[in-house]
Amino acid sequence: EAWDDPARRDAIVHSVARDLDVDVELRDASGALLVRTGPPCHA
């Protein structure tokens, strides 16, 4: 819903990371990193 609004999209990512106590990263369809709240997620 908020994909076209980067500010709102980033706020949702940080809200999820804070509420669920996890590190979140968001990438676009090509795999480019859009936003990350912590260290990279690997395994």
Full PDB file with SEQRES, HELIX, SHEET, SSBOND, CRYST1, ORIGX, SCALE, CONECT and MASTER records, all heavy atoms in Angstrom:
SEQRES   1 A   43  GLU ALA TRP ASP ASP PRO ALA ARG ARG ASP ALA ILE VAL          
SEQRES   2 A   43  HIS SER VAL ALA ARG ASP LEU ASP VAL ASP VAL GLU LEU          
SEQRES   3 A   43  ARG ASP ALA SER GLY ALA LEU LEU VAL ARG THR GLY PRO          
SEQRES   4 A   43  PRO CYS HIS ALA                                              
HELIX    1 AA1 PRO A    6  LEU A   20  1                                  15    
SHEET    1 AA1 2 GLU A  25  ARG A  27  0                                        
SHEET    2 AA1 2 LEU A  33  ARG A  36 -1                                        
CRYST1    1.000    1.000    1.000  90.00  90.00  90.00 P 1           1          
ORIGX1      1.000000  0.000000  0.000000        0.00000                         
ORIGX2      0.000000  1.000000  0.000000        0.00000                         
ORIGX3      0.000000  0.000000  1.000000        0.00000                         
SCALE1      1.000000  0.000000  0.000000        0.00000                         
SCALE2      0.000000  1.000000  0.000000        0.00000                         
SCALE3      0.000000  0.000000  1.000000        0.00000                         
ATOM      1  N   GLU A   1       0.822  -1.212   0.000  1.00  0.00           N  
ATOM      2  CA  GLU A   1       0.000   0.000   0.000  1.00  0.00           C  
ATOM      3  C   GLU A   1       0.859   1.267   0.000  1.00  0.00           C  
ATOM      4  O   GLU A   1       0.495   2.283  -0.605  1.00  0.00           O  
ATOM      5  CB  GLU A   1      -0.914   0.002   1.236  1.00  0.00           C  
ATOM      6  CG  GLU A   1      -1.977  -1.094   1.207  1.00  0.00           C  
ATOM      7  CD  GLU A   1      -2.784  -1.120   2.497  1.00  0.00           C  
ATOM      8  OE1 GLU A   1      -2.463  -0.293   3.396  1.00  0.00           O  
ATOM      9  OE2 GLU A   1      -3.678  -1.979   2.627  1.00  0.00           O  
ATOM     10  N   ALA A   2       2.013   1.197   0.692  1.00  0.00           N  
ATOM     11  CA  ALA A   2       2.855   2.399   0.809  1.00  0.00           C  
ATOM     12  C   ALA A   2       4.092   2.338  -0.082  1.00  0.00           C  
ATOM     13  O   ALA A   2       5.065   3.072   0.143  1.00  0.00           O  
ATOM     14  CB  ALA A   2       3.275   2.577   2.272  1.00  0.00           C  
ATOM     15  N   TRP A   3       4.090   1.494  -1.067  1.00  0.00           N  
ATOM     16  CA  TRP A   3       5.291   1.313  -1.890  1.00  0.00           C  
ATOM     17  C   TRP A   3       5.676   2.597  -2.633  1.00  0.00           C  
ATOM     18  O   TRP A   3       6.865   2.897  -2.791  1.00  0.00           O  
ATOM     19  CB  TRP A   3       5.064   0.167  -2.870  1.00  0.00           C  
ATOM     20  CG  TRP A   3       6.335  -0.223  -3.591  1.00  0.00           C  
ATOM     21  CD1 TRP A   3       6.735   0.166  -4.820  1.00  0.00           C  
ATOM     22  CD2 TRP A   3       7.351  -1.067  -3.076  1.00  0.00           C  
ATOM     23  NE1 TRP A   3       7.941  -0.380  -5.131  1.00  0.00           N  
ATOM     24  CE2 TRP A   3       8.349  -1.161  -4.052  1.00  0.00           C  
ATOM     25  CE3 TRP A   3       7.513  -1.768  -1.870  1.00  0.00           C  
ATOM     26  CZ2 TRP A   3       9.497  -1.918  -3.887  1.00  0.00           C  
ATOM     27  CZ3 TRP A   3       8.647  -2.511  -1.729  1.00  0.00           C  
ATOM     28  CH2 TRP A   3       9.642  -2.586  -2.700  1.00  0.00           C  
ATOM     29  N   ASP A   4       4.697   3.321  -3.102  1.00  0.00           N  
ATOM     30  CA  ASP A   4       4.995   4.523  -3.901  1.00  0.00           C  
ATOM     31  C   ASP A   4       5.369   5.716  -3.028  1.00  0.00           C  
ATOM     32  O   ASP A   4       5.742   6.777  -3.564  1.00  0.00           O  
ATOM     33  CB  ASP A   4       3.781   4.892  -4.778  1.00  0.00           C  
ATOM     34  CG  ASP A   4       3.473   3.788  -5.791  1.00  0.00           C  
ATOM     35  OD1 ASP A   4       4.433   3.078  -6.192  1.00  0.00           O  
ATOM     36  OD2 ASP A   4       2.289   3.600  -6.123  1.00  0.00           O  
ATOM     37  N   ASP A   5       5.256   5.586  -1.712  1.00  0.00           N  
ATOM     38  CA  ASP A   5       5.612   6.676  -0.794  1.00  0.00           C  
ATOM     39  C   ASP A   5       6.810   6.205   0.036  1.00  0.00           C  
ATOM     40  O   ASP A   5       6.657   5.503   1.043  1.00  0.00           O  
ATOM     41  CB  ASP A   5       4.426   6.995   0.122  1.00  0.00           C  
ATOM     42  CG  ASP A   5       4.690   8.225   0.989  1.00  0.00           C  
ATOM     43  OD1 ASP A   5       5.831   8.720   0.962  1.00  0.00           O  
ATOM     44  OD2 ASP A   5       3.763   8.619   1.711  1.00  0.00           O  
ATOM     45  N   PRO A   6       8.064   6.546  -0.367  1.00  0.00           N  
ATOM     46  CA  PRO A   6       9.251   6.028   0.318  1.00  0.00           C  
ATOM     47  C   PRO A   6       9.273   6.352   1.805  1.00  0.00           C  
ATOM     48  O   PRO A   6       9.685   5.519   2.619  1.00  0.00           O  
ATOM     49  CB  PRO A   6      10.409   6.711  -0.417  1.00  0.00           C  
ATOM     50  CG  PRO A   6       9.851   7.003  -1.780  1.00  0.00           C  
ATOM     51  CD  PRO A   6       8.415   7.356  -1.566  1.00  0.00           C  
ATOM     52  N   ALA A   7       8.840   7.547   2.172  1.00  0.00           N  
ATOM     53  CA  ALA A   7       8.892   7.911   3.596  1.00  0.00           C  
ATOM     54  C   ALA A   7       7.954   7.033   4.411  1.00  0.00           C  
ATOM     55  O   ALA A   7       8.312   6.515   5.486  1.00  0.00           O  
ATOM     56  CB  ALA A   7       8.535   9.388   3.771  1.00  0.00           C  
ATOM     57  N   ARG A   8       6.745   6.872   3.893  1.00  0.00           N  
ATOM     58  CA  ARG A   8       5.780   6.025   4.598  1.00  0.00           C  
ATOM     59  C   ARG A   8       6.242   4.573   4.600  1.00  0.00           C  
ATOM     60  O   ARG A   8       6.078   3.859   5.603  1.00  0.00           O  
ATOM     61  CB  ARG A   8       4.430   6.167   3.926  1.00  0.00           C  
ATOM     62  CG  ARG A   8       3.325   5.397   4.626  1.00  0.00           C  
ATOM     63  CD  ARG A   8       2.040   5.524   3.859  1.00  0.00           C  
ATOM     64  NE  ARG A   8       1.012   4.649   4.413  1.00  0.00           N  
ATOM     65  CZ  ARG A   8      -0.135   4.362   3.808  1.00  0.00           C  
ATOM     66  NH1 ARG A   8      -0.410   4.907   2.599  1.00  0.00           N  
ATOM     67  NH2 ARG A   8      -1.014   3.570   4.377  1.00  0.00           N  
ATOM     68  N   ARG A   9       6.816   4.128   3.481  1.00  0.00           N  
ATOM     69  CA  ARG A   9       7.295   2.745   3.375  1.00  0.00           C  
ATOM     70  C   ARG A   9       8.407   2.488   4.393  1.00  0.00           C  
ATOM     71  O   ARG A   9       8.407   1.461   5.098  1.00  0.00           O  
ATOM     72  CB  ARG A   9       7.787   2.523   1.945  1.00  0.00           C  
ATOM     73  CG  ARG A   9       8.290   1.105   1.662  1.00  0.00           C  
ATOM     74  CD  ARG A   9       8.903   1.071   0.289  1.00  0.00           C  
ATOM     75  NE  ARG A   9      10.059   2.009   0.218  1.00  0.00           N  
ATOM     76  CZ  ARG A   9      10.615   2.424  -0.923  1.00  0.00           C  
ATOM     77  NH1 ARG A   9      10.119   2.012  -2.103  1.00  0.00           N  
ATOM     78  NH2 ARG A   9      11.638   3.258  -0.910  1.00  0.00           N  
ATOM     79  N   ASP A  10       9.378   3.449   4.475  1.00  0.00           N  
ATOM     80  CA  ASP A  10      10.460   3.272   5.445  1.00  0.00           C  
ATOM     81  C   ASP A  10       9.937   3.294   6.886  1.00  0.00           C  
ATOM     82  O   ASP A  10      10.441   2.570   7.762  1.00  0.00           O  
ATOM     83  CB  ASP A  10      11.498   4.375   5.263  1.00  0.00           C  
ATOM     84  CG  ASP A  10      12.229   4.257   3.914  1.00  0.00           C  
ATOM     85  OD1 ASP A  10      12.057   3.206   3.247  1.00  0.00           O  
ATOM     86  OD2 ASP A  10      12.940   5.196   3.544  1.00  0.00           O  
ATOM     87  N   ALA A  11       8.924   4.101   7.132  1.00  0.00           N  
ATOM     88  CA  ALA A  11       8.359   4.153   8.479  1.00  0.00           C  
ATOM     89  C   ALA A  11       7.722   2.815   8.863  1.00  0.00           C  
ATOM     90  O   ALA A  11       7.813   2.370  10.019  1.00  0.00           O  
ATOM     91  CB  ALA A  11       7.333   5.266   8.575  1.00  0.00           C  
ATOM     92  N   ILE A  12       7.057   2.183   7.888  1.00  0.00           N  
ATOM     93  CA  ILE A  12       6.457   0.869   8.171  1.00  0.00           C  
ATOM     94  C   ILE A  12       7.545  -0.149   8.488  1.00  0.00           C  
ATOM     95  O   ILE A  12       7.417  -0.971   9.415  1.00  0.00           O  
ATOM     96  CB  ILE A  12       5.599   0.412   6.967  1.00  0.00           C  
ATOM     97  CG1 ILE A  12       4.371   1.319   6.808  1.00  0.00           C  
ATOM     98  CG2 ILE A  12       5.176  -1.042   7.129  1.00  0.00           C  
ATOM     99  CD1 ILE A  12       3.536   1.021   5.573  1.00  0.00           C  
ATOM    100  N   VAL A  13       8.657  -0.115   7.739  1.00  0.00           N  
ATOM    101  CA  VAL A  13       9.755  -1.044   7.977  1.00  0.00           C  
ATOM    102  C   VAL A  13      10.310  -0.857   9.398  1.00  0.00           C  
ATOM    103  O   VAL A  13      10.515  -1.816  10.143  1.00  0.00           O  
ATOM    104  CB  VAL A  13      10.853  -0.855   6.932  1.00  0.00           C  
ATOM    105  CG1 VAL A  13      12.103  -1.653   7.324  1.00  0.00           C  
ATOM    106  CG2 VAL A  13      10.366  -1.309   5.560  1.00  0.00           C  
ATOM    107  N   HIS A  14      10.549   0.388   9.808  1.00  0.00           N  
ATOM    108  CA  HIS A  14      11.082   0.633  11.143  1.00  0.00           C  
ATOM    109  C   HIS A  14      10.069   0.275  12.236  1.00  0.00           C  
ATOM    110  O   HIS A  14      10.454  -0.197  13.315  1.00  0.00           O  
ATOM    111  CB  HIS A  14      11.487   2.107  11.274  1.00  0.00           C  
ATOM    112  CG  HIS A  14      12.756   2.421  10.534  1.00  0.00           C  
ATOM    113  ND1 HIS A  14      14.000   2.069  10.982  1.00  0.00           N  
ATOM    114  CD2 HIS A  14      12.951   3.053   9.333  1.00  0.00           C  
ATOM    115  CE1 HIS A  14      14.929   2.481  10.124  1.00  0.00           C  
ATOM    116  NE2 HIS A  14      14.304   3.099   9.088  1.00  0.00           N  
ATOM    117  N   SER A  15       8.784   0.499  11.944  1.00  0.00           N  
ATOM    118  CA  SER A  15       7.760   0.139  12.914  1.00  0.00           C  
ATOM    119  C   SER A  15       7.712  -1.376  13.138  1.00  0.00           C  
ATOM    120  O   SER A  15       7.609  -1.851  14.268  1.00  0.00           O  
ATOM    121  CB  SER A  15       6.401   0.651  12.441  1.00  0.00           C  
ATOM    122  OG  SER A  15       5.376   0.229  13.320  1.00  0.00           O  
ATOM    123  N   VAL A  16       7.791  -2.160  12.038  1.00  0.00           N  
ATOM    124  CA  VAL A  16       7.795  -3.619  12.149  1.00  0.00           C  
ATOM    125  C   VAL A  16       9.026  -4.090  12.931  1.00  0.00           C  
ATOM    126  O   VAL A  16       8.955  -4.962  13.800  1.00  0.00           O  
ATOM    127  CB  VAL A  16       7.734  -4.259  10.763  1.00  0.00           C  
ATOM    128  CG1 VAL A  16       7.979  -5.774  10.848  1.00  0.00           C  
ATOM    129  CG2 VAL A  16       6.393  -3.986  10.110  1.00  0.00           C  
ATOM    130  N   ALA A  17      10.196  -3.501  12.634  1.00  0.00           N  
ATOM    131  CA  ALA A  17      11.424  -3.893  13.322  1.00  0.00           C  
ATOM    132  C   ALA A  17      11.335  -3.605  14.814  1.00  0.00           C  
ATOM    133  O   ALA A  17      11.784  -4.402  15.650  1.00  0.00           O  
ATOM    134  CB  ALA A  17      12.628  -3.178  12.707  1.00  0.00           C  
ATOM    135  N   ARG A  18      10.727  -2.448  15.147  1.00  0.00           N  
ATOM    136  CA  ARG A  18      10.640  -2.079  16.554  1.00  0.00           C  
ATOM    137  C   ARG A  18       9.602  -2.916  17.288  1.00  0.00           C  
ATOM    138  O   ARG A  18       9.846  -3.398  18.407  1.00  0.00           O  
ATOM    139  CB  ARG A  18      10.278  -0.598  16.651  1.00  0.00           C  
ATOM    140  CG  ARG A  18      10.224  -0.079  18.084  1.00  0.00           C  
ATOM    141  CD  ARG A  18       9.942   1.410  18.106  1.00  0.00           C  
ATOM    142  NE  ARG A  18       8.672   1.735  17.473  1.00  0.00           N  
ATOM    143  CZ  ARG A  18       8.568   2.293  16.266  1.00  0.00           C  
ATOM    144  NH1 ARG A  18       9.659   2.580  15.552  1.00  0.00           N  
ATOM    145  NH2 ARG A  18       7.383   2.568  15.735  1.00  0.00           N  
ATOM    146  N   ASP A  19       8.445  -3.122  16.679  1.00  0.00           N  
ATOM    147  CA  ASP A  19       7.379  -3.849  17.363  1.00  0.00           C  
ATOM    148  C   ASP A  19       7.678  -5.341  17.505  1.00  0.00           C  
ATOM    149  O   ASP A  19       7.335  -5.959  18.514  1.00  0.00           O  
ATOM    150  CB  ASP A  19       6.049  -3.664  16.617  1.00  0.00           C  
ATOM    151  CG  ASP A  19       5.571  -2.211  16.649  1.00  0.00           C  
ATOM    152  OD1 ASP A  19       6.059  -1.470  17.529  1.00  0.00           O  
ATOM    153  OD2 ASP A  19       4.735  -1.835  15.811  1.00  0.00           O  
ATOM    154  N   LEU A  20       8.303  -5.940  16.514  1.00  0.00           N  
ATOM    155  CA  LEU A  20       8.579  -7.381  16.555  1.00  0.00           C  
ATOM    156  C   LEU A  20       9.976  -7.706  17.061  1.00  0.00           C  
ATOM    157  O   LEU A  20      10.338  -8.877  17.175  1.00  0.00           O  
ATOM    158  CB  LEU A  20       8.400  -7.990  15.154  1.00  0.00           C  
ATOM    159  CG  LEU A  20       7.009  -7.876  14.538  1.00  0.00           C  
ATOM    160  CD1 LEU A  20       6.976  -8.564  13.178  1.00  0.00           C  
ATOM    161  CD2 LEU A  20       5.953  -8.467  15.449  1.00  0.00           C  
ATOM    162  N   ASP A  21      10.765  -6.662  17.349  1.00  0.00           N  
ATOM    163  CA  ASP A  21      12.126  -6.846  17.868  1.00  0.00           C  
ATOM    164  C   ASP A  21      12.949  -7.721  16.930  1.00  0.00           C  
ATOM    165  O   ASP A  21      13.572  -8.703  17.333  1.00  0.00           O  
ATOM    166  CB  ASP A  21      12.082  -7.463  19.269  1.00  0.00           C  
ATOM    167  CG  ASP A  21      13.449  -7.396  19.949  1.00  0.00           C  
ATOM    168  OD1 ASP A  21      14.267  -6.556  19.527  1.00  0.00           O  
ATOM    169  OD2 ASP A  21      13.685  -8.196  20.880  1.00  0.00           O  
ATOM    170  N   VAL A  22      12.930  -7.342  15.637  1.00  0.00           N  
ATOM    171  CA  VAL A  22      13.696  -8.047  14.622  1.00  0.00           C  
ATOM    172  C   VAL A  22      14.408  -7.023  13.756  1.00  0.00           C  
ATOM    173  O   VAL A  22      14.115  -5.818  13.795  1.00  0.00           O  
ATOM    174  CB  VAL A  22      12.792  -8.947  13.749  1.00  0.00           C  
ATOM    175  CG1 VAL A  22      12.215 -10.095  14.567  1.00  0.00           C  
ATOM    176  CG2 VAL A  22      11.678  -8.139  13.090  1.00  0.00           C  
ATOM    177  N   ASP A  23      15.369  -7.496  12.973  1.00  0.00           N  
ATOM    178  CA  ASP A  23      16.027  -6.670  11.966  1.00  0.00           C  
ATOM    179  C   ASP A  23      15.344  -6.905  10.625  1.00  0.00           C  
ATOM    180  O   ASP A  23      15.147  -8.069  10.226  1.00  0.00           O  
ATOM    181  CB  ASP A  23      17.510  -7.024  11.867  1.00  0.00           C  
ATOM    182  CG  ASP A  23      18.254  -6.732  13.168  1.00  0.00           C  
ATOM    183  OD1 ASP A  23      17.850  -5.778  13.857  1.00  0.00           O  
ATOM    184  OD2 ASP A  23      19.210  -7.463  13.493  1.00  0.00           O  
ATOM    185  N   VAL A  24      15.009  -5.817   9.934  1.00  0.00           N  
ATOM    186  CA  VAL A  24      14.227  -5.915   8.688  1.00  0.00           C  
ATOM    187  C   VAL A  24      15.024  -5.256   7.565  1.00  0.00           C  
ATOM    188  O   VAL A  24      15.643  -4.196   7.764  1.00  0.00           O  
ATOM    189  CB  VAL A  24      12.854  -5.246   8.836  1.00  0.00           C  
ATOM    190  CG1 VAL A  24      12.046  -5.387   7.541  1.00  0.00           C  
ATOM    191  CG2 VAL A  24      12.084  -5.863  10.015  1.00  0.00           C  
ATOM    192  N   GLU A  25      15.000  -5.904   6.402  1.00  0.00           N  
ATOM    193  CA  GLU A  25      15.568  -5.284   5.207  1.00  0.00           C  
ATOM    194  C   GLU A  25      14.568  -5.431   4.069  1.00  0.00           C  
ATOM    195  O   GLU A  25      13.868  -6.447   3.953  1.00  0.00           O  
ATOM    196  CB  GLU A  25      16.915  -5.913   4.853  1.00  0.00           C  
ATOM    197  CG  GLU A  25      16.847  -7.371   4.445  1.00  0.00           C  
ATOM    198  CD  GLU A  25      18.213  -7.925   4.069  1.00  0.00           C  
ATOM    199  OE1 GLU A  25      19.228  -7.347   4.520  1.00  0.00           O  
ATOM    200  OE2 GLU A  25      18.259  -8.926   3.326  1.00  0.00           O  
ATOM    201  N   LEU A  26      14.524  -4.394   3.228  1.00  0.00           N  
ATOM    202  CA  LEU A  26      13.570  -4.342   2.111  1.00  0.00           C  
ATOM    203  C   LEU A  26      14.344  -4.142   0.826  1.00  0.00           C  
ATOM    204  O   LEU A  26      15.199  -3.244   0.724  1.00  0.00           O  
ATOM    205  CB  LEU A  26      12.571  -3.191   2.328  1.00  0.00           C  
ATOM    206  CG  LEU A  26      11.493  -3.021   1.252  1.00  0.00           C  
ATOM    207  CD1 LEU A  26      10.575  -4.253   1.218  1.00  0.00           C  
ATOM    208  CD2 LEU A  26      10.681  -1.759   1.502  1.00  0.00           C  
ATOM    209  N   ARG A  27      14.073  -4.964  -0.156  1.00  0.00           N  
ATOM    210  CA  ARG A  27      14.702  -4.875  -1.462  1.00  0.00           C  
ATOM    211  C   ARG A  27      13.623  -4.786  -2.529  1.00  0.00           C  
ATOM    212  O   ARG A  27      12.518  -5.307  -2.356  1.00  0.00           O  
ATOM    213  CB  ARG A  27      15.601  -6.085  -1.729  1.00  0.00           C  
ATOM    214  CG  ARG A  27      16.763  -6.211  -0.745  1.00  0.00           C  
ATOM    215  CD  ARG A  27      17.586  -7.474  -1.017  1.00  0.00           C  
ATOM    216  NE  ARG A  27      18.683  -7.606  -0.051  1.00  0.00           N  
ATOM    217  CZ  ARG A  27      19.894  -7.081  -0.202  1.00  0.00           C  
ATOM    218  NH1 ARG A  27      20.152  -6.380  -1.306  1.00  0.00           N  
ATOM    219  NH2 ARG A  27      20.821  -7.240   0.721  1.00  0.00           N  
ATOM    220  N   ASP A  28      14.009  -4.168  -3.663  1.00  0.00           N  
ATOM    221  CA  ASP A  28      13.046  -4.070  -4.771  1.00  0.00           C  
ATOM    222  C   ASP A  28      13.084  -5.333  -5.592  1.00  0.00           C  
ATOM    223  O   ASP A  28      13.783  -6.303  -5.254  1.00  0.00           O  
ATOM    224  CB  ASP A  28      13.338  -2.822  -5.602  1.00  0.00           C  
ATOM    225  CG  ASP A  28      14.746  -2.833  -6.215  1.00  0.00           C  
ATOM    226  OD1 ASP A  28      15.381  -3.919  -6.200  1.00  0.00           O  
ATOM    227  OD2 ASP A  28      15.209  -1.781  -6.684  1.00  0.00           O  
ATOM    228  N   ALA A  29      12.356  -5.311  -6.705  1.00  0.00           N  
ATOM    229  CA  ALA A  29      12.235  -6.513  -7.524  1.00  0.00           C  
ATOM    230  C   ALA A  29      13.559  -6.930  -8.133  1.00  0.00           C  
ATOM    231  O   ALA A  29      13.796  -8.111  -8.395  1.00  0.00           O  
ATOM    232  CB  ALA A  29      11.194  -6.300  -8.620  1.00  0.00           C  
ATOM    233  N   SER A  30      14.460  -5.980  -8.329  1.00  0.00           N  
ATOM    234  CA  SER A  30      15.760  -6.303  -8.917  1.00  0.00           C  
ATOM    235  C   SER A  30      16.759  -6.761  -7.870  1.00  0.00           C  
ATOM    236  O   SER A  30      17.882  -7.162  -8.198  1.00  0.00           O  
ATOM    237  CB  SER A  30      16.321  -5.086  -9.656  1.00  0.00           C  
ATOM    238  OG  SER A  30      16.548  -4.013  -8.728  1.00  0.00           O  
ATOM    239  N   GLY A  31      16.419  -6.691  -6.586  1.00  0.00           N  
ATOM    240  CA  GLY A  31      17.310  -7.092  -5.524  1.00  0.00           C  
ATOM    241  C   GLY A  31      18.095  -5.965  -4.902  1.00  0.00           C  
ATOM    242  O   GLY A  31      18.897  -6.197  -3.988  1.00  0.00           O  
ATOM    243  N   ALA A  32      17.858  -4.745  -5.355  1.00  0.00           N  
ATOM    244  CA  ALA A  32      18.576  -3.605  -4.796  1.00  0.00           C  
ATOM    245  C   ALA A  32      18.017  -3.278  -3.415  1.00  0.00           C  
ATOM    246  O   ALA A  32      16.802  -3.310  -3.186  1.00  0.00           O  
ATOM    247  CB  ALA A  32      18.436  -2.398  -5.718  1.00  0.00           C  
ATOM    248  N   LEU A  33      18.915  -2.981  -2.475  1.00  0.00           N  
ATOM    249  CA  LEU A  33      18.525  -2.694  -1.094  1.00  0.00           C  
ATOM    250  C   LEU A  33      17.872  -1.323  -1.022  1.00  0.00           C  
ATOM    251  O   LEU A  33      18.453  -0.326  -1.462  1.00  0.00           O  
ATOM    252  CB  LEU A  33      19.750  -2.743  -0.172  1.00  0.00           C  
ATOM    253  CG  LEU A  33      19.493  -2.459   1.307  1.00  0.00           C  
ATOM    254  CD1 LEU A  33      18.602  -3.543   1.915  1.00  0.00           C  
ATOM    255  CD2 LEU A  33      20.817  -2.355   2.071  1.00  0.00           C  
ATOM    256  N   LEU A  34      16.674  -1.283  -0.421  1.00  0.00           N  
ATOM    257  CA  LEU A  34      15.972  -0.018  -0.258  1.00  0.00           C  
ATOM    258  C   LEU A  34      16.136   0.517   1.163  1.00  0.00           C  
ATOM    259  O   LEU A  34      16.387   1.704   1.352  1.00  0.00           O  
ATOM    260  CB  LEU A  34      14.492  -0.205  -0.579  1.00  0.00           C  
ATOM    261  CG  LEU A  34      14.175  -0.655  -2.030  1.00  0.00           C  
ATOM    262  CD1 LEU A  34      12.681  -0.846  -2.207  1.00  0.00           C  
ATOM    263  CD2 LEU A  34      14.722   0.339  -3.040  1.00  0.00           C  
ATOM    264  N   VAL A  35      15.989  -0.334   2.180  1.00  0.00           N  
ATOM    265  CA  VAL A  35      16.108   0.108   3.559  1.00  0.00           C  
ATOM    266  C   VAL A  35      16.488  -1.102   4.429  1.00  0.00           C  
ATOM    267  O   VAL A  35      16.085  -2.231   4.154  1.00  0.00           O  
ATOM    268  CB  VAL A  35      14.786   0.738   4.057  1.00  0.00           C  
ATOM    269  CG1 VAL A  35      13.649  -0.271   4.031  1.00  0.00           C  
ATOM    270  CG2 VAL A  35      14.959   1.322   5.454  1.00  0.00           C  
ATOM    271  N   ARG A  36      17.294  -0.847   5.465  1.00  0.00           N  
ATOM    272  CA  ARG A  36      17.707  -1.905   6.380  1.00  0.00           C  
ATOM    273  C   ARG A  36      17.778  -1.314   7.787  1.00  0.00           C  
ATOM    274  O   ARG A  36      18.315  -0.219   7.969  1.00  0.00           O  
ATOM    275  CB  ARG A  36      19.066  -2.461   5.993  1.00  0.00           C  
ATOM    276  CG  ARG A  36      19.593  -3.552   6.945  1.00  0.00           C  
ATOM    277  CD  ARG A  36      21.006  -3.954   6.590  1.00  0.00           C  
ATOM    278  NE  ARG A  36      21.042  -4.638   5.309  1.00  0.00           N  
ATOM    279  CZ  ARG A  36      22.127  -4.670   4.514  1.00  0.00           C  
ATOM    280  NH1 ARG A  36      23.215  -4.021   4.868  1.00  0.00           N  
ATOM    281  NH2 ARG A  36      22.102  -5.319   3.373  1.00  0.00           N  
ATOM    282  N   THR A  37      17.252  -2.047   8.763  1.00  0.00           N  
ATOM    283  CA  THR A  37      17.223  -1.526  10.136  1.00  0.00           C  
ATOM    284  C   THR A  37      18.339  -2.088  11.015  1.00  0.00           C  
ATOM    285  O   THR A  37      18.450  -1.720  12.176  1.00  0.00           O  
ATOM    286  CB  THR A  37      15.884  -1.857  10.803  1.00  0.00           C  
ATOM    287  OG1 THR A  37      15.740  -3.278  10.897  1.00  0.00           O  
ATOM    288  CG2 THR A  37      14.728  -1.274  10.022  1.00  0.00           C  
ATOM    289  N   GLY A  38      19.125  -2.997  10.502  1.00  0.00           N  
ATOM    290  CA  GLY A  38      20.185  -3.607  11.293  1.00  0.00           C  
ATOM    291  C   GLY A  38      21.198  -4.292  10.407  1.00  0.00           C  
ATOM    292  O   GLY A  38      21.302  -3.969   9.207  1.00  0.00           O  
ATOM    293  N   PRO A  39      21.967  -5.238  10.963  1.00  0.00           N  
ATOM    294  CA  PRO A  39      22.940  -5.975  10.154  1.00  0.00           C  
ATOM    295  C   PRO A  39      22.249  -6.771   9.063  1.00  0.00           C  
ATOM    296  O   PRO A  39      21.040  -7.026   9.113  1.00  0.00           O  
ATOM    297  CB  PRO A  39      23.601  -6.905  11.175  1.00  0.00           C  
ATOM    298  CG  PRO A  39      23.320  -6.310  12.508  1.00  0.00           C  
ATOM    299  CD  PRO A  39      22.000  -5.622  12.380  1.00  0.00           C  
ATOM    300  N   PRO A  40      22.995  -7.152   8.042  1.00  0.00           N  
ATOM    301  CA  PRO A  40      22.392  -7.912   6.941  1.00  0.00           C  
ATOM    302  C   PRO A  40      21.827  -9.244   7.436  1.00  0.00           C  
ATOM    303  O   PRO A  40      22.382  -9.888   8.328  1.00  0.00           O  
ATOM    304  CB  PRO A  40      23.558  -8.134   5.973  1.00  0.00           C  
ATOM    305  CG  PRO A  40      24.555  -7.085   6.313  1.00  0.00           C  
ATOM    306  CD  PRO A  40      24.417  -6.822   7.778  1.00  0.00           C  
ATOM    307  N   CYS A  41      20.718  -9.638   6.883  1.00  0.00           N  
ATOM    308  CA  CYS A  41      20.096 -10.936   7.188  1.00  0.00           C  
ATOM    309  C   CYS A  41      20.671 -11.969   6.240  1.00  0.00           C  
ATOM    310  O   CYS A  41      20.567 -11.829   5.025  1.00  0.00           O  
ATOM    311  CB  CYS A  41      18.567 -10.861   7.029  1.00  0.00           C  
ATOM    312  SG  CYS A  41      17.757  -9.843   8.285  1.00  0.00           S  
ATOM    313  N   HIS A  42      21.265 -13.015   6.841  1.00  0.00           N  
ATOM    314  CA  HIS A  42      21.844 -14.081   6.023  1.00  0.00           C  
ATOM    315  C   HIS A  42      21.060 -15.370   6.225  1.00  0.00           C  
ATOM    316  O   HIS A  42      20.031 -15.582   5.604  1.00  0.00           O  
ATOM    317  CB  HIS A  42      23.320 -14.258   6.374  1.00  0.00           C  
ATOM    318  CG  HIS A  42      24.134 -13.027   6.074  1.00  0.00           C  
ATOM    319  ND1 HIS A  42      24.340 -12.581   4.796  1.00  0.00           N  
ATOM    320  CD2 HIS A  42      24.785 -12.160   6.895  1.00  0.00           C  
ATOM    321  CE1 HIS A  42      25.093 -11.478   4.808  1.00  0.00           C  
ATOM    322  NE2 HIS A  42      25.376 -11.205   6.085  1.00  0.00           N  
ATOM    323  N   ALA A  43      21.548 -16.217   7.114  1.00  0.00           N  
ATOM    324  CA  ALA A  43      20.897 -17.531   7.283  1.00  0.00           C  
ATOM    325  C   ALA A  43      19.954 -17.569   8.465  1.00  0.00           C  
ATOM    326  O   ALA A  43      19.440 -18.617   8.820  1.00  0.00           O  
ATOM    327  CB  ALA A  43      21.958 -18.618   7.459  1.00  0.00           C  
TER     328      ALA A  43                                                      
MASTER        0    0    0    1    2    0    0    6  327    1    0    4          
END                                                                             
